[in-house]
Amino acid sequence: AVLGTFEDTVGTLGRYHGHTGTRDAVLTIQ
């Protein structure tokens, strides 16, 4: 549950701020 929320937060904030390099961070959490 915690890892899922971290994944969601990283992806959401990355898209909001226009970052394209969050995929690796999301994959790490996955």
mmCIF file of all heavy atoms, coordinates in Angstrom:
data_MODEL
# 
_entry.id   MODEL 
# 
loop_
_atom_site.group_PDB 
_atom_site.id 
_atom_site.type_symbol 
_atom_site.label_atom_id 
_atom_site.label_alt_id 
_atom_site.label_comp_id 
_atom_site.label_asym_id 
_atom_site.label_entity_id 
_atom_site.label_seq_id 
_atom_site.pdbx_PDB_ins_code 
_atom_site.Cartn_x 
_atom_site.Cartn_y 
_atom_site.Cartn_z 
_atom_site.occupancy 
_atom_site.B_iso_or_equiv 
_atom_site.pdbx_formal_charge 
_atom_site.auth_seq_id 
_atom_site.auth_comp_id 
_atom_site.auth_asym_id 
_atom_site.auth_atom_id 
_atom_site.pdbx_PDB_model_num 
ATOM 1   N N   . ALA A 1 1  ? 0.834  -1.203 0.000   1.00 0.00 ? 1  ALA A N   1 
ATOM 2   C CA  . ALA A 1 1  ? 0.000  0.000  0.000   1.00 0.00 ? 1  ALA A CA  1 
ATOM 3   C C   . ALA A 1 1  ? 0.866  1.249  0.000   1.00 0.00 ? 1  ALA A C   1 
ATOM 4   O O   . ALA A 1 1  ? 0.626  2.202  -0.748  1.00 0.00 ? 1  ALA A O   1 
ATOM 5   C CB  . ALA A 1 1  ? -0.930 -0.003 1.209   1.00 0.00 ? 1  ALA A CB  1 
ATOM 6   N N   . VAL A 1 2  ? 1.904  1.255  0.846   1.00 0.00 ? 2  VAL A N   1 
ATOM 7   C CA  . VAL A 1 2  ? 2.791  2.417  0.922   1.00 0.00 ? 2  VAL A CA  1 
ATOM 8   C C   . VAL A 1 2  ? 3.569  2.585  -0.381  1.00 0.00 ? 2  VAL A C   1 
ATOM 9   O O   . VAL A 1 2  ? 3.690  3.691  -0.923  1.00 0.00 ? 2  VAL A O   1 
ATOM 10  C CB  . VAL A 1 2  ? 3.751  2.282  2.117   1.00 0.00 ? 2  VAL A CB  1 
ATOM 11  C CG1 . VAL A 1 2  ? 4.852  3.331  2.052   1.00 0.00 ? 2  VAL A CG1 1 
ATOM 12  C CG2 . VAL A 1 2  ? 2.979  2.409  3.422   1.00 0.00 ? 2  VAL A CG2 1 
ATOM 13  N N   . LEU A 1 3  ? 4.105  1.496  -0.909  1.00 0.00 ? 3  LEU A N   1 
ATOM 14  C CA  . LEU A 1 3  ? 4.856  1.587  -2.161  1.00 0.00 ? 3  LEU A CA  1 
ATOM 15  C C   . LEU A 1 3  ? 3.955  2.038  -3.309  1.00 0.00 ? 3  LEU A C   1 
ATOM 16  O O   . LEU A 1 3  ? 4.387  2.791  -4.193  1.00 0.00 ? 3  LEU A O   1 
ATOM 17  C CB  . LEU A 1 3  ? 5.500  0.235  -2.483  1.00 0.00 ? 3  LEU A CB  1 
ATOM 18  C CG  . LEU A 1 3  ? 6.662  -0.165 -1.570  1.00 0.00 ? 3  LEU A CG  1 
ATOM 19  C CD1 . LEU A 1 3  ? 7.094  -1.597 -1.849  1.00 0.00 ? 3  LEU A CD1 1 
ATOM 20  C CD2 . LEU A 1 3  ? 7.845  0.783  -1.750  1.00 0.00 ? 3  LEU A CD2 1 
ATOM 21  N N   . GLY A 1 4  ? 2.706  1.594  -3.313  1.00 0.00 ? 4  GLY A N   1 
ATOM 22  C CA  . GLY A 1 4  ? 1.774  2.037  -4.339  1.00 0.00 ? 4  GLY A CA  1 
ATOM 23  C C   . GLY A 1 4  ? 1.512  3.532  -4.283  1.00 0.00 ? 4  GLY A C   1 
ATOM 24  O O   . GLY A 1 4  ? 1.445  4.214  -5.312  1.00 0.00 ? 4  GLY A O   1 
ATOM 25  N N   . THR A 1 5  ? 1.389  4.065  -3.063  1.00 0.00 ? 5  THR A N   1 
ATOM 26  C CA  . THR A 1 5  ? 1.163  5.505  -2.934  1.00 0.00 ? 5  THR A CA  1 
ATOM 27  C C   . THR A 1 5  ? 2.406  6.293  -3.347  1.00 0.00 ? 5  THR A C   1 
ATOM 28  O O   . THR A 1 5  ? 2.294  7.367  -3.935  1.00 0.00 ? 5  THR A O   1 
ATOM 29  C CB  . THR A 1 5  ? 0.792  5.887  -1.491  1.00 0.00 ? 5  THR A CB  1 
ATOM 30  O OG1 . THR A 1 5  ? 1.832  5.490  -0.599  1.00 0.00 ? 5  THR A OG1 1 
ATOM 31  C CG2 . THR A 1 5  ? -0.487 5.225  -1.063  1.00 0.00 ? 5  THR A CG2 1 
ATOM 32  N N   . PHE A 1 6  ? 3.602  5.767  -3.035  1.00 0.00 ? 6  PHE A N   1 
ATOM 33  C CA  . PHE A 1 6  ? 4.821  6.442  -3.476  1.00 0.00 ? 6  PHE A CA  1 
ATOM 34  C C   . PHE A 1 6  ? 4.897  6.457  -5.003  1.00 0.00 ? 6  PHE A C   1 
ATOM 35  O O   . PHE A 1 6  ? 5.277  7.456  -5.616  1.00 0.00 ? 6  PHE A O   1 
ATOM 36  C CB  . PHE A 1 6  ? 6.051  5.737  -2.905  1.00 0.00 ? 6  PHE A CB  1 
ATOM 37  C CG  . PHE A 1 6  ? 6.275  5.987  -1.437  1.00 0.00 ? 6  PHE A CG  1 
ATOM 38  C CD1 . PHE A 1 6  ? 7.271  5.316  -0.755  1.00 0.00 ? 6  PHE A CD1 1 
ATOM 39  C CD2 . PHE A 1 6  ? 5.488  6.878  -0.735  1.00 0.00 ? 6  PHE A CD2 1 
ATOM 40  C CE1 . PHE A 1 6  ? 7.484  5.536  0.603   1.00 0.00 ? 6  PHE A CE1 1 
ATOM 41  C CE2 . PHE A 1 6  ? 5.678  7.106  0.621   1.00 0.00 ? 6  PHE A CE2 1 
ATOM 42  C CZ  . PHE A 1 6  ? 6.684  6.437  1.286   1.00 0.00 ? 6  PHE A CZ  1 
ATOM 43  N N   . GLU A 1 7  ? 4.560  5.334  -5.611  1.00 0.00 ? 7  GLU A N   1 
ATOM 44  C CA  . GLU A 1 7  ? 4.571  5.254  -7.074  1.00 0.00 ? 7  GLU A CA  1 
ATOM 45  C C   . GLU A 1 7  ? 3.623  6.289  -7.672  1.00 0.00 ? 7  GLU A C   1 
ATOM 46  O O   . GLU A 1 7  ? 3.970  6.999  -8.630  1.00 0.00 ? 7  GLU A O   1 
ATOM 47  C CB  . GLU A 1 7  ? 4.163  3.842  -7.507  1.00 0.00 ? 7  GLU A CB  1 
ATOM 48  C CG  . GLU A 1 7  ? 4.104  3.655  -9.010  1.00 0.00 ? 7  GLU A CG  1 
ATOM 49  C CD  . GLU A 1 7  ? 3.557  2.290  -9.395  1.00 0.00 ? 7  GLU A CD  1 
ATOM 50  O OE1 . GLU A 1 7  ? 3.618  1.354  -8.566  1.00 0.00 ? 7  GLU A OE1 1 
ATOM 51  O OE2 . GLU A 1 7  ? 3.062  2.168  -10.530 1.00 0.00 ? 7  GLU A OE2 1 
ATOM 52  N N   . ASP A 1 8  ? 2.430  6.377  -7.116  1.00 0.00 ? 8  ASP A N   1 
ATOM 53  C CA  . ASP A 1 8  ? 1.437  7.325  -7.607  1.00 0.00 ? 8  ASP A CA  1 
ATOM 54  C C   . ASP A 1 8  ? 1.909  8.768  -7.426  1.00 0.00 ? 8  ASP A C   1 
ATOM 55  O O   . ASP A 1 8  ? 1.761  9.611  -8.317  1.00 0.00 ? 8  ASP A O   1 
ATOM 56  C CB  . ASP A 1 8  ? 0.120  7.104  -6.866  1.00 0.00 ? 8  ASP A CB  1 
ATOM 57  C CG  . ASP A 1 8  ? -1.047 7.806  -7.528  1.00 0.00 ? 8  ASP A CG  1 
ATOM 58  O OD1 . ASP A 1 8  ? -0.952 8.143  -8.723  1.00 0.00 ? 8  ASP A OD1 1 
ATOM 59  O OD2 . ASP A 1 8  ? -2.068 8.016  -6.863  1.00 0.00 ? 8  ASP A OD2 1 
ATOM 60  N N   . THR A 1 9  ? 2.497  9.061  -6.263  1.00 0.00 ? 9  THR A N   1 
ATOM 61  C CA  . THR A 1 9  ? 2.939  10.424 -5.980  1.00 0.00 ? 9  THR A CA  1 
ATOM 62  C C   . THR A 1 9  ? 4.081  10.842 -6.892  1.00 0.00 ? 9  THR A C   1 
ATOM 63  O O   . THR A 1 9  ? 4.089  11.963 -7.424  1.00 0.00 ? 9  THR A O   1 
ATOM 64  C CB  . THR A 1 9  ? 3.372  10.546 -4.508  1.00 0.00 ? 9  THR A CB  1 
ATOM 65  O OG1 . THR A 1 9  ? 2.292  10.135 -3.666  1.00 0.00 ? 9  THR A OG1 1 
ATOM 66  C CG2 . THR A 1 9  ? 3.738  11.982 -4.166  1.00 0.00 ? 9  THR A CG2 1 
ATOM 67  N N   . VAL A 1 10 ? 5.069  9.965  -7.089  1.00 0.00 ? 10 VAL A N   1 
ATOM 68  C CA  . VAL A 1 10 ? 6.191  10.277 -7.971  1.00 0.00 ? 10 VAL A CA  1 
ATOM 69  C C   . VAL A 1 10 ? 5.697  10.548 -9.393  1.00 0.00 ? 10 VAL A C   1 
ATOM 70  O O   . VAL A 1 10 ? 6.098  11.526 -10.035 1.00 0.00 ? 10 VAL A O   1 
ATOM 71  C CB  . VAL A 1 10 ? 7.224  9.136  -7.962  1.00 0.00 ? 10 VAL A CB  1 
ATOM 72  C CG1 . VAL A 1 10 ? 8.253  9.331  -9.084  1.00 0.00 ? 10 VAL A CG1 1 
ATOM 73  C CG2 . VAL A 1 10 ? 7.941  9.070  -6.626  1.00 0.00 ? 10 VAL A CG2 1 
ATOM 74  N N   . GLY A 1 11 ? 4.805  9.685  -9.878  1.00 0.00 ? 11 GLY A N   1 
ATOM 75  C CA  . GLY A 1 11 ? 4.276  9.868  -11.225 1.00 0.00 ? 11 GLY A CA  1 
ATOM 76  C C   . GLY A 1 11 ? 3.454  11.144 -11.353 1.00 0.00 ? 11 GLY A C   1 
ATOM 77  O O   . GLY A 1 11 ? 3.594  11.894 -12.326 1.00 0.00 ? 11 GLY A O   1 
ATOM 78  N N   . THR A 1 12 ? 2.609  11.415 -10.351 1.00 0.00 ? 12 THR A N   1 
ATOM 79  C CA  . THR A 1 12 ? 1.745  12.595 -10.397 1.00 0.00 ? 12 THR A CA  1 
ATOM 80  C C   . THR A 1 12 ? 2.559  13.884 -10.370 1.00 0.00 ? 12 THR A C   1 
ATOM 81  O O   . THR A 1 12 ? 2.343  14.790 -11.188 1.00 0.00 ? 12 THR A O   1 
ATOM 82  C CB  . THR A 1 12 ? 0.753  12.577 -9.226  1.00 0.00 ? 12 THR A CB  1 
ATOM 83  O OG1 . THR A 1 12 ? -0.082 11.426 -9.320  1.00 0.00 ? 12 THR A OG1 1 
ATOM 84  C CG2 . THR A 1 12 ? -0.124 13.823 -9.228  1.00 0.00 ? 12 THR A CG2 1 
ATOM 85  N N   . LEU A 1 13 ? 3.488  13.988 -9.427  1.00 0.00 ? 13 LEU A N   1 
ATOM 86  C CA  . LEU A 1 13 ? 4.292  15.207 -9.325  1.00 0.00 ? 13 LEU A CA  1 
ATOM 87  C C   . LEU A 1 13 ? 5.217  15.357 -10.526 1.00 0.00 ? 13 LEU A C   1 
ATOM 88  O O   . LEU A 1 13 ? 5.493  16.477 -10.974 1.00 0.00 ? 13 LEU A O   1 
ATOM 89  C CB  . LEU A 1 13 ? 5.090  15.203 -8.023  1.00 0.00 ? 13 LEU A CB  1 
ATOM 90  C CG  . LEU A 1 13 ? 4.261  15.301 -6.747  1.00 0.00 ? 13 LEU A CG  1 
ATOM 91  C CD1 . LEU A 1 13 ? 5.167  15.283 -5.514  1.00 0.00 ? 13 LEU A CD1 1 
ATOM 92  C CD2 . LEU A 1 13 ? 3.403  16.556 -6.745  1.00 0.00 ? 13 LEU A CD2 1 
ATOM 93  N N   . GLY A 1 14 ? 5.712  14.243 -11.047 1.00 0.00 ? 14 GLY A N   1 
ATOM 94  C CA  . GLY A 1 14 ? 6.555  14.317 -12.238 1.00 0.00 ? 14 GLY A CA  1 
ATOM 95  C C   . GLY A 1 14 ? 5.799  14.897 -13.424 1.00 0.00 ? 14 GLY A C   1 
ATOM 96  O O   . GLY A 1 14 ? 6.293  15.781 -14.127 1.00 0.00 ? 14 GLY A O   1 
ATOM 97  N N   . ARG A 1 15 ? 4.570  14.419 -13.639 1.00 0.00 ? 15 ARG A N   1 
ATOM 98  C CA  . ARG A 1 15 ? 3.761  14.938 -14.748 1.00 0.00 ? 15 ARG A CA  1 
ATOM 99  C C   . ARG A 1 15 ? 3.388  16.390 -14.520 1.00 0.00 ? 15 ARG A C   1 
ATOM 100 O O   . ARG A 1 15 ? 3.403  17.204 -15.445 1.00 0.00 ? 15 ARG A O   1 
ATOM 101 C CB  . ARG A 1 15 ? 2.501  14.083 -14.928 1.00 0.00 ? 15 ARG A CB  1 
ATOM 102 C CG  . ARG A 1 15 ? 2.767  12.681 -15.483 1.00 0.00 ? 15 ARG A CG  1 
ATOM 103 C CD  . ARG A 1 15 ? 1.469  11.966 -15.816 1.00 0.00 ? 15 ARG A CD  1 
ATOM 104 N NE  . ARG A 1 15 ? 0.669  11.722 -14.630 1.00 0.00 ? 15 ARG A NE  1 
ATOM 105 C CZ  . ARG A 1 15 ? 0.795  10.643 -13.850 1.00 0.00 ? 15 ARG A CZ  1 
ATOM 106 N NH1 . ARG A 1 15 ? 1.709  9.726  -14.127 1.00 0.00 ? 15 ARG A NH1 1 
ATOM 107 N NH2 . ARG A 1 15 ? 0.017  10.477 -12.795 1.00 0.00 ? 15 ARG A NH2 1 
ATOM 108 N N   . TYR A 1 16 ? 3.066  16.738 -13.283 1.00 0.00 ? 16 TYR A N   1 
ATOM 109 C CA  . TYR A 1 16 ? 2.649  18.106 -12.979 1.00 0.00 ? 16 TYR A CA  1 
ATOM 110 C C   . TYR A 1 16 ? 3.773  19.103 -13.261 1.00 0.00 ? 16 TYR A C   1 
ATOM 111 O O   . TYR A 1 16 ? 3.544  20.174 -13.814 1.00 0.00 ? 16 TYR A O   1 
ATOM 112 C CB  . TYR A 1 16 ? 2.212  18.201 -11.516 1.00 0.00 ? 16 TYR A CB  1 
ATOM 113 C CG  . TYR A 1 16 ? 1.837  19.602 -11.091 1.00 0.00 ? 16 TYR A CG  1 
ATOM 114 C CD1 . TYR A 1 16 ? 0.581  20.120 -11.401 1.00 0.00 ? 16 TYR A CD1 1 
ATOM 115 C CD2 . TYR A 1 16 ? 2.729  20.407 -10.397 1.00 0.00 ? 16 TYR A CD2 1 
ATOM 116 C CE1 . TYR A 1 16 ? 0.225  21.410 -11.030 1.00 0.00 ? 16 TYR A CE1 1 
ATOM 117 C CE2 . TYR A 1 16 ? 2.387  21.700 -10.019 1.00 0.00 ? 16 TYR A CE2 1 
ATOM 118 C CZ  . TYR A 1 16 ? 1.137  22.192 -10.336 1.00 0.00 ? 16 TYR A CZ  1 
ATOM 119 O OH  . TYR A 1 16 ? 0.795  23.464 -9.974  1.00 0.00 ? 16 TYR A OH  1 
ATOM 120 N N   . HIS A 1 17 ? 4.994  18.743 -12.867 1.00 0.00 ? 17 HIS A N   1 
ATOM 121 C CA  . HIS A 1 17 ? 6.133  19.648 -13.058 1.00 0.00 ? 17 HIS A CA  1 
ATOM 122 C C   . HIS A 1 17 ? 6.802  19.487 -14.420 1.00 0.00 ? 17 HIS A C   1 
ATOM 123 O O   . HIS A 1 17 ? 7.801  20.148 -14.703 1.00 0.00 ? 17 HIS A O   1 
ATOM 124 C CB  . HIS A 1 17 ? 7.163  19.430 -11.950 1.00 0.00 ? 17 HIS A CB  1 
ATOM 125 C CG  . HIS A 1 17 ? 6.687  19.888 -10.595 1.00 0.00 ? 17 HIS A CG  1 
ATOM 126 N ND1 . HIS A 1 17 ? 6.528  21.213 -10.267 1.00 0.00 ? 17 HIS A ND1 1 
ATOM 127 C CD2 . HIS A 1 17 ? 6.317  19.189 -9.493  1.00 0.00 ? 17 HIS A CD2 1 
ATOM 128 C CE1 . HIS A 1 17 ? 6.095  21.324 -9.029  1.00 0.00 ? 17 HIS A CE1 1 
ATOM 129 N NE2 . HIS A 1 17 ? 5.957  20.108 -8.536  1.00 0.00 ? 17 HIS A NE2 1 
ATOM 130 N N   . GLY A 1 18 ? 6.275  18.602 -15.251 1.00 0.00 ? 18 GLY A N   1 
ATOM 131 C CA  . GLY A 1 18 ? 6.801  18.459 -16.593 1.00 0.00 ? 18 GLY A CA  1 
ATOM 132 C C   . GLY A 1 18 ? 8.098  17.698 -16.695 1.00 0.00 ? 18 GLY A C   1 
ATOM 133 O O   . GLY A 1 18 ? 8.830  17.817 -17.688 1.00 0.00 ? 18 GLY A O   1 
ATOM 134 N N   . HIS A 1 19 ? 8.409  16.878 -15.693 1.00 0.00 ? 19 HIS A N   1 
ATOM 135 C CA  . HIS A 1 19 ? 9.633  16.086 -15.733 1.00 0.00 ? 19 HIS A CA  1 
ATOM 136 C C   . HIS A 1 19 ? 9.420  14.818 -16.554 1.00 0.00 ? 19 HIS A C   1 
ATOM 137 O O   . HIS A 1 19 ? 8.381  14.167 -16.450 1.00 0.00 ? 19 HIS A O   1 
ATOM 138 C CB  . HIS A 1 19 ? 10.089 15.706 -14.319 1.00 0.00 ? 19 HIS A CB  1 
ATOM 139 C CG  . HIS A 1 19 ? 10.459 16.891 -13.479 1.00 0.00 ? 19 HIS A CG  1 
ATOM 140 N ND1 . HIS A 1 19 ? 11.327 17.855 -13.899 1.00 0.00 ? 19 HIS A ND1 1 
ATOM 141 C CD2 . HIS A 1 19 ? 10.067 17.248 -12.230 1.00 0.00 ? 19 HIS A CD2 1 
ATOM 142 C CE1 . HIS A 1 19 ? 11.468 18.770 -12.951 1.00 0.00 ? 19 HIS A CE1 1 
ATOM 143 N NE2 . HIS A 1 19 ? 10.705 18.428 -11.920 1.00 0.00 ? 19 HIS A NE2 1 
ATOM 144 N N   . THR A 1 20 ? 10.405 14.471 -17.343 1.00 0.00 ? 20 THR A N   1 
ATOM 145 C CA  . THR A 1 20 ? 10.316 13.243 -18.141 1.00 0.00 ? 20 THR A CA  1 
ATOM 146 C C   . THR A 1 20 ? 11.189 12.134 -17.568 1.00 0.00 ? 20 THR A C   1 
ATOM 147 O O   . THR A 1 20 ? 11.168 11.021 -18.076 1.00 0.00 ? 20 THR A O   1 
ATOM 148 C CB  . THR A 1 20 ? 10.747 13.532 -19.593 1.00 0.00 ? 20 THR A CB  1 
ATOM 149 O OG1 . THR A 1 20 ? 12.091 14.050 -19.592 1.00 0.00 ? 20 THR A OG1 1 
ATOM 150 C CG2 . THR A 1 20 ? 9.816  14.547 -20.243 1.00 0.00 ? 20 THR A CG2 1 
ATOM 151 N N   . GLY A 1 21 ? 11.936 12.441 -16.512 1.00 0.00 ? 21 GLY A N   1 
ATOM 152 C CA  . GLY A 1 21 ? 12.874 11.458 -15.980 1.00 0.00 ? 21 GLY A CA  1 
ATOM 153 C C   . GLY A 1 21 ? 12.382 10.719 -14.761 1.00 0.00 ? 21 GLY A C   1 
ATOM 154 O O   . GLY A 1 21 ? 13.194 10.197 -13.995 1.00 0.00 ? 21 GLY A O   1 
ATOM 155 N N   . THR A 1 22 ? 11.072 10.696 -14.549 1.00 0.00 ? 22 THR A N   1 
ATOM 156 C CA  . THR A 1 22 ? 10.536 10.010 -13.360 1.00 0.00 ? 22 THR A CA  1 
ATOM 157 C C   . THR A 1 22 ? 10.300 8.529  -13.594 1.00 0.00 ? 22 THR A C   1 
ATOM 158 O O   . THR A 1 22 ? 10.010 7.806  -12.653 1.00 0.00 ? 22 THR A O   1 
ATOM 159 C CB  . THR A 1 22 ? 9.218  10.663 -12.914 1.00 0.00 ? 22 THR A CB  1 
ATOM 160 O OG1 . THR A 1 22 ? 8.288  10.616 -14.006 1.00 0.00 ? 22 THR A OG1 1 
ATOM 161 C CG2 . THR A 1 22 ? 9.433  12.107 -12.500 1.00 0.00 ? 22 THR A CG2 1 
ATOM 162 N N   . ARG A 1 23 ? 10.403 8.078  -14.844 1.00 0.00 ? 23 ARG A N   1 
ATOM 163 C CA  . ARG A 1 23 ? 10.114 6.678  -15.137 1.00 0.00 ? 23 ARG A CA  1 
ATOM 164 C C   . ARG A 1 23 ? 11.037 5.746  -14.360 1.00 0.00 ? 23 ARG A C   1 
ATOM 165 O O   . ARG A 1 23 ? 10.590 4.729  -13.819 1.00 0.00 ? 23 ARG A O   1 
ATOM 166 C CB  . ARG A 1 23 ? 10.252 6.413  -16.637 1.00 0.00 ? 23 ARG A CB  1 
ATOM 167 C CG  . ARG A 1 23 ? 10.049 4.946  -17.012 1.00 0.00 ? 23 ARG A CG  1 
ATOM 168 C CD  . ARG A 1 23 ? 10.010 4.736  -18.509 1.00 0.00 ? 23 ARG A CD  1 
ATOM 169 N NE  . ARG A 1 23 ? 10.025 3.321  -18.840 1.00 0.00 ? 23 ARG A NE  1 
ATOM 170 C CZ  . ARG A 1 23 ? 8.984  2.519  -18.736 1.00 0.00 ? 23 ARG A CZ  1 
ATOM 171 N NH1 . ARG A 1 23 ? 7.826  2.987  -18.291 1.00 0.00 ? 23 ARG A NH1 1 
ATOM 172 N NH2 . ARG A 1 23 ? 9.058  1.249  -19.069 1.00 0.00 ? 23 ARG A NH2 1 
ATOM 173 N N   . ASP A 1 24 ? 12.326 6.088  -14.287 1.00 0.00 ? 24 ASP A N   1 
ATOM 174 C CA  . ASP A 1 24 ? 13.264 5.230  -13.562 1.00 0.00 ? 24 ASP A CA  1 
ATOM 175 C C   . ASP A 1 24 ? 12.911 5.161  -12.081 1.00 0.00 ? 24 ASP A C   1 
ATOM 176 O O   . ASP A 1 24 ? 13.019 4.102  -11.455 1.00 0.00 ? 24 ASP A O   1 
ATOM 177 C CB  . ASP A 1 24 ? 14.699 5.749  -13.735 1.00 0.00 ? 24 ASP A CB  1 
ATOM 178 C CG  . ASP A 1 24 ? 15.232 5.504  -15.147 1.00 0.00 ? 24 ASP A CG  1 
ATOM 179 O OD1 . ASP A 1 24 ? 14.642 4.676  -15.863 1.00 0.00 ? 24 ASP A OD1 1 
ATOM 180 O OD2 . ASP A 1 24 ? 16.219 6.159  -15.515 1.00 0.00 ? 24 ASP A OD2 1 
ATOM 181 N N   . ALA A 1 25 ? 12.487 6.306  -11.515 1.00 0.00 ? 25 ALA A N   1 
ATOM 182 C CA  . ALA A 1 25 ? 12.102 6.322  -10.102 1.00 0.00 ? 25 ALA A CA  1 
ATOM 183 C C   . ALA A 1 25 ? 10.870 5.448  -9.872  1.00 0.00 ? 25 ALA A C   1 
ATOM 184 O O   . ALA A 1 25 ? 10.796 4.697  -8.893  1.00 0.00 ? 25 ALA A O   1 
ATOM 185 C CB  . ALA A 1 25 ? 11.831 7.755  -9.650  1.00 0.00 ? 25 ALA A CB  1 
ATOM 186 N N   . VAL A 1 26 ? 9.902  5.530  -10.781 1.00 0.00 ? 26 VAL A N   1 
ATOM 187 C CA  . VAL A 1 26 ? 8.694  4.708  -10.665 1.00 0.00 ? 26 VAL A CA  1 
ATOM 188 C C   . VAL A 1 26 ? 9.046  3.233  -10.791 1.00 0.00 ? 26 VAL A C   1 
ATOM 189 O O   . VAL A 1 26 ? 8.545  2.386  -10.039 1.00 0.00 ? 26 VAL A O   1 
ATOM 190 C CB  . VAL A 1 26 ? 7.661  5.115  -11.730 1.00 0.00 ? 26 VAL A CB  1 
ATOM 191 C CG1 . VAL A 1 26 ? 6.517  4.111  -11.776 1.00 0.00 ? 26 VAL A CG1 1 
ATOM 192 C CG2 . VAL A 1 26 ? 7.124  6.507  -11.439 1.00 0.00 ? 26 VAL A CG2 1 
ATOM 193 N N   . LEU A 1 27 ? 9.924  2.895  -11.735 1.00 0.00 ? 27 LEU A N   1 
ATOM 194 C CA  . LEU A 1 27 ? 10.331 1.503  -11.910 1.00 0.00 ? 27 LEU A CA  1 
ATOM 195 C C   . LEU A 1 27 ? 11.035 0.971  -10.666 1.00 0.00 ? 27 LEU A C   1 
ATOM 196 O O   . LEU A 1 27 ? 10.867 -0.188 -10.288 1.00 0.00 ? 27 LEU A O   1 
ATOM 197 C CB  . LEU A 1 27 ? 11.246 1.373  -13.129 1.00 0.00 ? 27 LEU A CB  1 
ATOM 198 C CG  . LEU A 1 27 ? 10.554 1.462  -14.498 1.00 0.00 ? 27 LEU A CG  1 
ATOM 199 C CD1 . LEU A 1 27 ? 11.589 1.460  -15.617 1.00 0.00 ? 27 LEU A CD1 1 
ATOM 200 C CD2 . LEU A 1 27 ? 9.579  0.306  -14.683 1.00 0.00 ? 27 LEU A CD2 1 
ATOM 201 N N   . THR A 1 28 ? 11.832 1.819  -10.022 1.00 0.00 ? 28 THR A N   1 
ATOM 202 C CA  . THR A 1 28 ? 12.507 1.406  -8.784  1.00 0.00 ? 28 THR A CA  1 
ATOM 203 C C   . THR A 1 28 ? 11.490 1.028  -7.717  1.00 0.00 ? 28 THR A C   1 
ATOM 204 O O   . THR A 1 28 ? 11.630 0.010  -7.020  1.00 0.00 ? 28 THR A O   1 
ATOM 205 C CB  . THR A 1 28 ? 13.417 2.529  -8.272  1.00 0.00 ? 28 THR A CB  1 
ATOM 206 O OG1 . THR A 1 28 ? 14.447 2.771  -9.235  1.00 0.00 ? 28 THR A OG1 1 
ATOM 207 C CG2 . THR A 1 28 ? 14.061 2.150  -6.944  1.00 0.00 ? 28 THR A CG2 1 
ATOM 208 N N   . ILE A 1 29 ? 10.454 1.835  -7.578  1.00 0.00 ? 29 ILE A N   1 
ATOM 209 C CA  . ILE A 1 29 ? 9.404  1.544  -6.599  1.00 0.00 ? 29 ILE A CA  1 
ATOM 210 C C   . ILE A 1 29 ? 8.665  0.265  -6.970  1.00 0.00 ? 29 ILE A C   1 
ATOM 211 O O   . ILE A 1 29 ? 8.348  -0.570 -6.110  1.00 0.00 ? 29 ILE A O   1 
ATOM 212 C CB  . ILE A 1 29 ? 8.424  2.724  -6.500  1.00 0.00 ? 29 ILE A CB  1 
ATOM 213 C CG1 . ILE A 1 29 ? 9.163  3.978  -6.016  1.00 0.00 ? 29 ILE A CG1 1 
ATOM 214 C CG2 . ILE A 1 29 ? 7.281  2.397  -5.541  1.00 0.00 ? 29 ILE A CG2 1 
ATOM 215 C CD1 . ILE A 1 29 ? 8.335  5.245  -6.080  1.00 0.00 ? 29 ILE A CD1 1 
ATOM 216 N N   . GLN A 1 30 ? 8.391  0.088  -8.263  1.00 0.00 ? 30 GLN A N   1 
ATOM 217 C CA  . GLN A 1 30 ? 7.703  -1.124 -8.700  1.00 0.00 ? 30 GLN A CA  1 
ATOM 218 C C   . GLN A 1 30 ? 8.538  -2.370 -8.415  1.00 0.00 ? 30 GLN A C   1 
ATOM 219 O O   . GLN A 1 30 ? 8.005  -3.413 -8.027  1.00 0.00 ? 30 GLN A O   1 
ATOM 220 C CB  . GLN A 1 30 ? 7.376  -1.015 -10.191 1.00 0.00 ? 30 GLN A CB  1 
ATOM 221 C CG  . GLN A 1 30 ? 6.310  0.010  -10.503 1.00 0.00 ? 30 GLN A CG  1 
ATOM 222 C CD  . GLN A 1 30 ? 6.105  0.216  -11.994 1.00 0.00 ? 30 GLN A CD  1 
ATOM 223 O OE1 . GLN A 1 30 ? 6.981  -0.119 -12.796 1.00 0.00 ? 30 GLN A OE1 1 
ATOM 224 N NE2 . GLN A 1 30 ? 4.963  0.764  -12.378 1.00 0.00 ? 30 GLN A NE2 1 
# 
